[in-house]
PDB file of N, CA and C in Angstrom:
ATOM      1  N   UNK A   1     -27.897 -10.664 -11.411  1.00  0.00           N
ATOM      2  CA  UNK A   1     -26.663 -10.191 -10.869  1.00  0.00           C
ATOM      3  C   UNK A   1     -25.782  -9.690 -12.056  1.00  0.00           C
ATOM      4  N   UNK A   2     -25.226  -8.533 -11.876  1.00  0.00           N
ATOM      5  CA  UNK A   2     -24.274  -8.076 -12.898  1.00  0.00           C
ATOM      6  C   UNK A   2     -23.121  -8.866 -13.167  1.00  0.00           C
ATOM      7  N   UNK A   3     -22.586  -9.036 -14.294  1.00  0.00           N
ATOM      8  CA  UNK A   3     -21.440  -9.831 -14.463  1.00  0.00           C
ATOM      9  C   UNK A   3     -20.223  -8.949 -14.109  1.00  0.00           C
ATOM     10  N   UNK A   4     -19.105  -9.641 -13.834  1.00  0.00           N
ATOM     11  CA  UNK A   4     -17.889  -9.026 -13.497  1.00  0.00           C
ATOM     12  C   UNK A   4     -17.417  -8.047 -14.685  1.00  0.00           C
ATOM     13  N   UNK A   5     -17.595  -8.480 -15.842  1.00  0.00           N
ATOM     14  CA  UNK A   5     -17.241  -7.676 -17.049  1.00  0.00           C
ATOM     15  C   UNK A   5     -18.043  -6.459 -17.160  1.00  0.00           C
ATOM     16  N   UNK A   6     -19.371  -6.451 -16.906  1.00  0.00           N
ATOM     17  CA  UNK A   6     -20.162  -5.405 -16.884  1.00  0.00           C
ATOM     18  C   UNK A   6     -19.903  -4.346 -15.846  1.00  0.00           C
ATOM     19  N   UNK A   7     -19.516  -4.733 -14.710  1.00  0.00           N
ATOM     20  CA  UNK A   7     -19.277  -3.958 -13.521  1.00  0.00           C
ATOM     21  C   UNK A   7     -18.001  -3.164 -13.915  1.00  0.00           C
ATOM     22  N   UNK A   8     -16.855  -3.947 -14.392  1.00  0.00           N
ATOM     23  CA  UNK A   8     -15.614  -3.226 -14.729  1.00  0.00           C
ATOM     24  C   UNK A   8     -15.778  -2.255 -15.863  1.00  0.00           C
ATOM     25  N   UNK A   9     -16.667  -2.608 -16.888  1.00  0.00           N
ATOM     26  CA  UNK A   9     -16.742  -1.676 -17.816  1.00  0.00           C
ATOM     27  C   UNK A   9     -17.562  -0.474 -17.419  1.00  0.00           C
ATOM     28  N   UNK A  10     -18.472  -0.425 -16.516  1.00  0.00           N
ATOM     29  CA  UNK A  10     -19.012   0.644 -15.946  1.00  0.00           C
ATOM     30  C   UNK A  10     -18.062   1.515 -15.173  1.00  0.00           C
ATOM     31  N   UNK A  11     -17.160   0.932 -14.470  1.00  0.00           N
ATOM     32  CA  UNK A  11     -16.156   1.635 -13.740  1.00  0.00           C
ATOM     33  C   UNK A  11     -15.284   2.503 -14.763  1.00  0.00           C
ATOM     34  N   UNK A  12     -14.846   1.538 -15.835  1.00  0.00           N
ATOM     35  CA  UNK A  12     -13.934   2.284 -16.849  1.00  0.00           C
ATOM     36  C   UNK A  12     -14.611   3.441 -17.543  1.00  0.00           C
ATOM     37  N   UNK A  13     -15.883   3.230 -17.785  1.00  0.00           N
ATOM     38  CA  UNK A  13     -16.794   4.265 -18.450  1.00  0.00           C
ATOM     39  C   UNK A  13     -16.685   5.648 -17.569  1.00  0.00           C
ATOM     40  N   UNK A  14     -16.926   5.438 -16.383  1.00  0.00           N
ATOM     41  CA  UNK A  14     -17.031   6.712 -15.445  1.00  0.00           C
ATOM     42  C   UNK A  14     -15.607   7.319 -15.485  1.00  0.00           C
ATOM     43  N   UNK A  15     -14.542   6.656 -15.243  1.00  0.00           N
ATOM     44  CA  UNK A  15     -13.318   7.206 -15.238  1.00  0.00           C
ATOM     45  C   UNK A  15     -12.911   7.811 -16.630  1.00  0.00           C
ATOM     46  N   UNK A  16     -13.313   7.157 -17.700  1.00  0.00           N
ATOM     47  CA  UNK A  16     -12.866   7.652 -18.986  1.00  0.00           C
ATOM     48  C   UNK A  16     -13.489   8.924 -19.205  1.00  0.00           C
ATOM     49  N   UNK A  17     -14.771   9.085 -18.938  1.00  0.00           N
ATOM     50  CA  UNK A  17     -15.396  10.323 -19.316  1.00  0.00           C
ATOM     51  C   UNK A  17     -14.777  11.508 -18.388  1.00  0.00           C
ATOM     52  N   UNK A  18     -14.395  11.174 -17.131  1.00  0.00           N
ATOM     53  CA  UNK A  18     -13.748  12.229 -16.333  1.00  0.00           C
ATOM     54  C   UNK A  18     -12.319  12.493 -16.886  1.00  0.00           C
ATOM     55  N   UNK A  19     -11.657  11.502 -17.346  1.00  0.00           N
ATOM     56  CA  UNK A  19     -10.242  11.605 -17.877  1.00  0.00           C
ATOM     57  C   UNK A  19     -10.412  12.437 -19.109  1.00  0.00           C
ATOM     58  N   UNK A  20     -11.189  12.223 -20.011  1.00  0.00           N
ATOM     59  CA  UNK A  20     -11.335  13.038 -21.310  1.00  0.00           C
ATOM     60  C   UNK A  20     -11.756  14.356 -21.020  1.00  0.00           C
ATOM     61  N   UNK A  21     -12.558  14.698 -20.021  1.00  0.00           N
ATOM     62  CA  UNK A  21     -12.879  16.024 -19.591  1.00  0.00           C
ATOM     63  C   UNK A  21     -11.686  16.790 -19.141  1.00  0.00           C
ATOM     64  N   UNK A  22     -10.771  16.149 -18.327  1.00  0.00           N
ATOM     65  CA  UNK A  22      -9.629  16.752 -17.798  1.00  0.00           C
ATOM     66  C   UNK A  22      -8.511  16.943 -19.019  1.00  0.00           C
ATOM     67  N   UNK A  23      -8.646  15.869 -19.823  1.00  0.00           N
ATOM     68  CA  UNK A  23      -7.673  16.075 -21.104  1.00  0.00           C
ATOM     69  C   UNK A  23      -8.013  17.227 -22.004  1.00  0.00           C
ATOM     70  N   UNK A  24      -9.377  17.483 -22.101  1.00  0.00           N
ATOM     71  CA  UNK A  24      -9.880  18.528 -22.852  1.00  0.00           C
ATOM     72  C   UNK A  24      -9.500  19.833 -22.289  1.00  0.00           C
ATOM     73  N   UNK A  25      -9.350  19.915 -21.023  1.00  0.00           N
ATOM     74  CA  UNK A  25      -9.007  21.141 -20.365  1.00  0.00           C
ATOM     75  C   UNK A  25      -7.455  21.270 -20.268  1.00  0.00           C
ATOM     76  N   UNK A  26      -6.791  20.308 -20.661  1.00  0.00           N
ATOM     77  CA  UNK A  26      -5.284  20.299 -20.541  1.00  0.00           C
ATOM     78  C   UNK A  26      -4.770  20.186 -19.131  1.00  0.00           C
ATOM     79  N   UNK A  27      -5.559  19.593 -18.218  1.00  0.00           N
ATOM     80  CA  UNK A  27      -5.198  19.478 -16.833  1.00  0.00           C
ATOM     81  C   UNK A  27      -4.485  18.297 -16.553  1.00  0.00           C
ATOM     82  N   UNK A  28      -3.151  18.107 -16.862  1.00  0.00           N
ATOM     83  CA  UNK A  28      -2.233  16.979 -16.600  1.00  0.00           C
ATOM     84  C   UNK A  28      -2.383  16.445 -15.203  1.00  0.00           C
ATOM     85  N   UNK A  29      -2.359  17.363 -14.230  1.00  0.00           N
ATOM     86  CA  UNK A  29      -2.439  16.942 -12.900  1.00  0.00           C
ATOM     87  C   UNK A  29      -3.685  16.104 -12.386  1.00  0.00           C
ATOM     88  N   UNK A  30      -4.693  16.612 -12.962  1.00  0.00           N
ATOM     89  CA  UNK A  30      -6.023  15.833 -12.779  1.00  0.00           C
ATOM     90  C   UNK A  30      -6.028  14.504 -13.470  1.00  0.00           C
ATOM     91  N   UNK A  31      -5.511  14.429 -14.615  1.00  0.00           N
ATOM     92  CA  UNK A  31      -5.401  13.325 -15.444  1.00  0.00           C
ATOM     93  C   UNK A  31      -4.587  12.250 -14.686  1.00  0.00           C
ATOM     94  N   UNK A  32      -3.432  12.579 -14.116  1.00  0.00           N
ATOM     95  CA  UNK A  32      -2.625  11.743 -13.275  1.00  0.00           C
ATOM     96  C   UNK A  32      -3.265  11.156 -12.005  1.00  0.00           C
ATOM     97  N   UNK A  33      -4.058  12.099 -11.365  1.00  0.00           N
ATOM     98  CA  UNK A  33      -4.803  11.697 -10.306  1.00  0.00           C
ATOM     99  C   UNK A  33      -5.845  10.620 -10.689  1.00  0.00           C
ATOM    100  N   UNK A  34      -6.605  10.935 -11.686  1.00  0.00           N
ATOM    101  CA  UNK A  34      -7.691   9.948 -12.226  1.00  0.00           C
ATOM    102  C   UNK A  34      -6.976   8.688 -12.560  1.00  0.00           C
ATOM    103  N   UNK A  35      -5.845   8.656 -13.115  1.00  0.00           N
ATOM    104  CA  UNK A  35      -5.234   7.386 -13.555  1.00  0.00           C
ATOM    105  C   UNK A  35      -5.066   6.509 -12.373  1.00  0.00           C
ATOM    106  N   UNK A  36      -4.455   7.268 -11.252  1.00  0.00           N
ATOM    107  CA  UNK A  36      -4.129   6.595 -10.025  1.00  0.00           C
ATOM    108  C   UNK A  36      -5.322   6.014  -9.429  1.00  0.00           C
ATOM    109  N   UNK A  37      -6.420   6.941  -9.304  1.00  0.00           N
ATOM    110  CA  UNK A  37      -7.623   6.605  -8.575  1.00  0.00           C
ATOM    111  C   UNK A  37      -8.332   5.286  -9.395  1.00  0.00           C
ATOM    112  N   UNK A  38      -8.251   5.314 -10.721  1.00  0.00           N
ATOM    113  CA  UNK A  38      -8.899   4.261 -11.490  1.00  0.00           C
ATOM    114  C   UNK A  38      -8.244   2.991 -11.206  1.00  0.00           C
ATOM    115  N   UNK A  39      -6.879   2.869 -11.114  1.00  0.00           N
ATOM    116  CA  UNK A  39      -6.187   1.773 -10.857  1.00  0.00           C
ATOM    117  C   UNK A  39      -6.590   1.183  -9.492  1.00  0.00           C
ATOM    118  N   UNK A  40      -6.627   2.173  -8.486  1.00  0.00           N
ATOM    119  CA  UNK A  40      -6.760   1.743  -6.992  1.00  0.00           C
ATOM    120  C   UNK A  40      -8.256   1.116  -7.051  1.00  0.00           C
ATOM    121  N   UNK A  41      -9.288   1.857  -7.530  1.00  0.00           N
ATOM    122  CA  UNK A  41     -10.554   1.347  -7.524  1.00  0.00           C
ATOM    123  C   UNK A  41     -10.848   0.216  -8.330  1.00  0.00           C
ATOM    124  N   UNK A  42     -10.093  -0.059  -9.289  1.00  0.00           N
ATOM    125  CA  UNK A  42     -10.168  -1.398 -10.070  1.00  0.00           C
ATOM    126  C   UNK A  42      -9.638  -2.599  -9.213  1.00  0.00           C
ATOM    127  N   UNK A  43      -8.678  -2.468  -8.465  1.00  0.00           N
ATOM    128  CA  UNK A  43      -8.142  -3.414  -7.480  1.00  0.00           C
ATOM    129  C   UNK A  43      -9.202  -3.783  -6.403  1.00  0.00           C
ATOM    130  N   UNK A  44      -9.610  -2.700  -5.827  1.00  0.00           N
ATOM    131  CA  UNK A  44     -10.705  -2.734  -4.851  1.00  0.00           C
ATOM    132  C   UNK A  44     -11.967  -3.529  -5.293  1.00  0.00           C
ATOM    133  N   UNK A  45     -12.395  -3.165  -6.487  1.00  0.00           N
ATOM    134  CA  UNK A  45     -13.584  -3.703  -7.029  1.00  0.00           C
ATOM    135  C   UNK A  45     -13.312  -5.297  -7.403  1.00  0.00           C
ATOM    136  N   UNK A  46     -12.141  -5.575  -7.870  1.00  0.00           N
ATOM    137  CA  UNK A  46     -11.857  -6.905  -8.253  1.00  0.00           C
ATOM    138  C   UNK A  46     -11.781  -7.688  -6.951  1.00  0.00           C
ATOM    139  N   UNK A  47     -11.259  -7.173  -5.874  1.00  0.00           N
ATOM    140  CA  UNK A  47     -11.292  -8.045  -4.707  1.00  0.00           C
ATOM    141  C   UNK A  47     -12.766  -8.144  -4.177  1.00  0.00           C
ATOM    142  N   UNK A  48     -13.568  -7.100  -4.203  1.00  0.00           N
ATOM    143  CA  UNK A  48     -15.044  -7.377  -3.806  1.00  0.00           C
ATOM    144  C   UNK A  48     -15.773  -8.313  -4.665  1.00  0.00           C
ATOM    145  N   UNK A  49     -15.362  -8.342  -5.929  1.00  0.00           N
ATOM    146  CA  UNK A  49     -16.043  -9.361  -6.902  1.00  0.00           C
ATOM    147  C   UNK A  49     -15.522 -10.715  -6.629  1.00  0.00           C
ATOM    148  N   UNK A  50     -14.209 -10.851  -6.217  1.00  0.00           N
ATOM    149  CA  UNK A  50     -13.833 -12.239  -5.753  1.00  0.00           C
ATOM    150  C   UNK A  50     -14.428 -12.672  -4.534  1.00  0.00           C
ATOM    151  N   UNK A  51     -14.662 -11.812  -3.614  1.00  0.00           N
ATOM    152  CA  UNK A  51     -15.442 -12.153  -2.335  1.00  0.00           C
ATOM    153  C   UNK A  51     -16.779 -12.533  -2.742  1.00  0.00           C
ATOM    154  N   UNK A  52     -17.476 -11.807  -3.565  1.00  0.00           N
ATOM    155  CA  UNK A  52     -18.829 -12.105  -4.022  1.00  0.00           C
ATOM    156  C   UNK A  52     -18.960 -13.531  -4.612  1.00  0.00           C
ATOM    157  N   UNK A  53     -17.868 -13.716  -5.355  1.00  0.00           N
ATOM    158  CA  UNK A  53     -17.895 -15.133  -6.151  1.00  0.00           C
ATOM    159  C   UNK A  53     -17.719 -16.226  -5.096  1.00  0.00           C
ATOM    160  N   UNK A  54     -16.912 -15.955  -4.022  1.00  0.00           N
ATOM    161  CA  UNK A  54     -16.633 -17.047  -2.921  1.00  0.00           C
ATOM    162  C   UNK A  54     -17.931 -17.228  -2.179  1.00  0.00           C
ATOM    163  N   UNK A  55     -18.783 -16.118  -2.028  1.00  0.00           N
ATOM    164  CA  UNK A  55     -19.928 -16.284  -1.119  1.00  0.00           C
ATOM    165  C   UNK A  55     -21.188 -16.930  -1.915  1.00  0.00           C
ATOM    166  N   UNK A  56     -21.275 -16.826  -3.215  1.00  0.00           N
ATOM    167  CA  UNK A  56     -22.315 -17.351  -3.902  1.00  0.00           C
ATOM    168  C   UNK A  56     -22.579 -18.799  -3.536  1.00  0.00           C
ATOM    169  N   UNK A  57     -23.909 -19.013  -3.545  1.00  0.00           N
ATOM    170  CA  UNK A  57     -24.409 -20.348  -3.233  1.00  0.00           C
ATOM    171  C   UNK A  57     -23.905 -21.351  -4.230  1.00  0.00           C
ATOM    172  N   UNK A  58     -23.606 -22.552  -3.834  1.00  0.00           N
ATOM    173  CA  UNK A  58     -23.182 -23.482  -4.693  1.00  0.00           C
ATOM    174  C   UNK A  58     -24.198 -24.030  -5.687  1.00  0.00           C
ATOM    175  N   UNK A  59     -23.792 -24.502  -6.826  1.00  0.00           N
ATOM    176  CA  UNK A  59     -24.830 -25.021  -7.803  1.00  0.00           C
ATOM    177  C   UNK A  59     -25.524 -26.055  -7.371  1.00  0.00           C
ATOM    178  N   UNK A  60     -26.751 -26.406  -7.834  1.00  0.00           N
ATOM    179  CA  UNK A  60     -27.573 -27.526  -7.389  1.00  0.00           C
ATOM    180  C   UNK A  60     -26.806 -28.806  -7.720  1.00  0.00           C
ATOM    181  N   UNK A  61     -26.931 -29.791  -6.766  1.00  0.00           N
ATOM    182  CA  UNK A  61     -26.299 -31.062  -7.080  1.00  0.00           C
ATOM    183  C   UNK A  61     -24.766 -31.034  -6.537  1.00  0.00           C
ATOM    184  N   UNK A  62     -24.246 -29.860  -6.069  1.00  0.00           N
ATOM    185  CA  UNK A  62     -22.958 -29.887  -5.566  1.00  0.00           C
ATOM    186  C   UNK A  62     -22.885 -29.422  -4.194  1.00  0.00           C
ATOM    187  N   UNK A  63     -23.902 -29.843  -3.316  1.00  0.00           N
ATOM    188  CA  UNK A  63     -24.012 -29.273  -2.005  1.00  0.00           C
ATOM    189  C   UNK A  63     -22.839 -29.947  -1.196  1.00  0.00           C
ATOM    190  N   UNK A  64     -22.404 -31.087  -1.572  1.00  0.00           N
ATOM    191  CA  UNK A  64     -21.259 -31.675  -0.859  1.00  0.00           C
ATOM    192  C   UNK A  64     -19.905 -31.380  -1.276  1.00  0.00           C
ATOM    193  N   UNK A  65     -19.758 -30.417  -2.203  1.00  0.00           N
ATOM    194  CA  UNK A  65     -18.590 -30.061  -2.823  1.00  0.00           C
ATOM    195  C   UNK A  65     -17.686 -29.177  -1.808  1.00  0.00           C
ATOM    196  N   UNK A  66     -16.289 -29.287  -2.009  1.00  0.00           N
ATOM    197  CA  UNK A  66     -15.509 -28.417  -1.059  1.00  0.00           C
ATOM    198  C   UNK A  66     -15.876 -26.918  -1.177  1.00  0.00           C
ATOM    199  N   UNK A  67     -15.744 -26.240  -0.029  1.00  0.00           N
ATOM    200  CA  UNK A  67     -16.121 -24.855  -0.094  1.00  0.00           C
ATOM    201  C   UNK A  67     -17.411 -24.404  -0.048  1.00  0.00           C
ATOM    202  N   UNK A  68     -18.479 -25.400   0.149  1.00  0.00           N
ATOM    203  CA  UNK A  68     -19.863 -25.088   0.157  1.00  0.00           C
ATOM    204  C   UNK A  68     -20.357 -24.650   1.599  1.00  0.00           C
ATOM    205  N   UNK A  69     -19.584 -24.914   2.608  1.00  0.00           N
ATOM    206  CA  UNK A  69     -20.009 -24.588   3.938  1.00  0.00           C
ATOM    207  C   UNK A  69     -19.727 -23.063   4.260  1.00  0.00           C
ATOM    208  N   UNK A  70     -20.415 -22.472   5.107  1.00  0.00           N
ATOM    209  CA  UNK A  70     -20.034 -21.084   5.436  1.00  0.00           C
ATOM    210  C   UNK A  70     -18.594 -20.953   6.169  1.00  0.00           C
ATOM    211  N   UNK A  71     -18.164 -21.925   6.796  1.00  0.00           N
ATOM    212  CA  UNK A  71     -16.923 -21.955   7.390  1.00  0.00           C
ATOM    213  C   UNK A  71     -15.975 -22.035   6.255  1.00  0.00           C
ATOM    214  N   UNK A  72     -16.014 -22.908   5.294  1.00  0.00           N
ATOM    215  CA  UNK A  72     -15.114 -23.005   4.225  1.00  0.00           C
ATOM    216  C   UNK A  72     -15.080 -21.618   3.390  1.00  0.00           C
ATOM    217  N   UNK A  73     -16.282 -21.096   3.215  1.00  0.00           N
ATOM    218  CA  UNK A  73     -16.289 -19.769   2.450  1.00  0.00           C
ATOM    219  C   UNK A  73     -15.509 -18.581   3.252  1.00  0.00           C
ATOM    220  N   UNK A  74     -15.764 -18.675   4.684  1.00  0.00           N
ATOM    221  CA  UNK A  74     -15.086 -17.738   5.507  1.00  0.00           C
ATOM    222  C   UNK A  74     -13.564 -17.883   5.508  1.00  0.00           C
ATOM    223  N   UNK A  75     -13.170 -19.094   5.538  1.00  0.00           N
ATOM    224  CA  UNK A  75     -11.683 -19.418   5.366  1.00  0.00           C
ATOM    225  C   UNK A  75     -11.032 -18.960   4.024  1.00  0.00           C
ATOM    226  N   UNK A  76     -11.832 -19.056   3.031  1.00  0.00           N
ATOM    227  CA  UNK A  76     -11.397 -18.790   1.683  1.00  0.00           C
ATOM    228  C   UNK A  76     -11.315 -17.274   1.463  1.00  0.00           C
ATOM    229  N   UNK A  77     -12.130 -16.504   2.176  1.00  0.00           N
ATOM    230  CA  UNK A  77     -12.100 -15.164   2.238  1.00  0.00           C
ATOM    231  C   UNK A  77     -10.915 -14.654   3.062  1.00  0.00           C
ATOM    232  N   UNK A  78     -10.687 -15.329   4.167  1.00  0.00           N
ATOM    233  CA  UNK A  78      -9.490 -15.003   4.992  1.00  0.00           C
ATOM    234  C   UNK A  78      -8.109 -15.140   4.253  1.00  0.00           C
ATOM    235  N   UNK A  79      -8.122 -16.259   3.477  1.00  0.00           N
ATOM    236  CA  UNK A  79      -6.994 -16.394   2.720  1.00  0.00           C
ATOM    237  C   UNK A  79      -6.778 -15.506   1.634  1.00  0.00           C
ATOM    238  N   UNK A  80      -7.799 -15.042   1.010  1.00  0.00           N
ATOM    239  CA  UNK A  80      -7.899 -13.989  -0.072  1.00  0.00           C
ATOM    240  C   UNK A  80      -7.361 -12.705   0.476  1.00  0.00           C
ATOM    241  N   UNK A  81      -7.803 -12.276   1.707  1.00  0.00           N
ATOM    242  CA  UNK A  81      -7.565 -10.814   2.126  1.00  0.00           C
ATOM    243  C   UNK A  81      -6.368 -11.062   3.081  1.00  0.00           C
ATOM    244  N   UNK A  82      -5.713 -12.004   3.223  1.00  0.00           N
ATOM    245  CA  UNK A  82      -4.492 -12.009   4.257  1.00  0.00           C
ATOM    246  C   UNK A  82      -3.389 -11.089   3.636  1.00  0.00           C
ATOM    247  N   UNK A  83      -2.866 -10.346   4.534  1.00  0.00           N
ATOM    248  CA  UNK A  83      -1.660  -9.422   4.138  1.00  0.00           C
ATOM    249  C   UNK A  83      -0.446 -10.430   4.222  1.00  0.00           C
ATOM    250  N   UNK A  84       0.462 -10.233   3.187  1.00  0.00           N
ATOM    251  CA  UNK A  84       1.559 -10.934   3.253  1.00  0.00           C
ATOM    252  C   UNK A  84       2.793 -10.224   3.455  1.00  0.00           C
TER     253      UNK A  84
END
């Protein structure tokens, strides 16, 4: 499984290349749009990575630890995604 850092670096790389292309053309409007899109996608991706971390199987020897049941994981995801 790819690490959180590697995934976020891939996202940054994609947006950085598009941003530099827009910058090379002097397209300020496109640069502004890309900046906003990058921030939005980064937040979405971080949320998905948090959910992935919550759903991962517990390490061996920790089967009785809190958060190891499916119900506990579902409740943790609900707390994470609840709108305030």
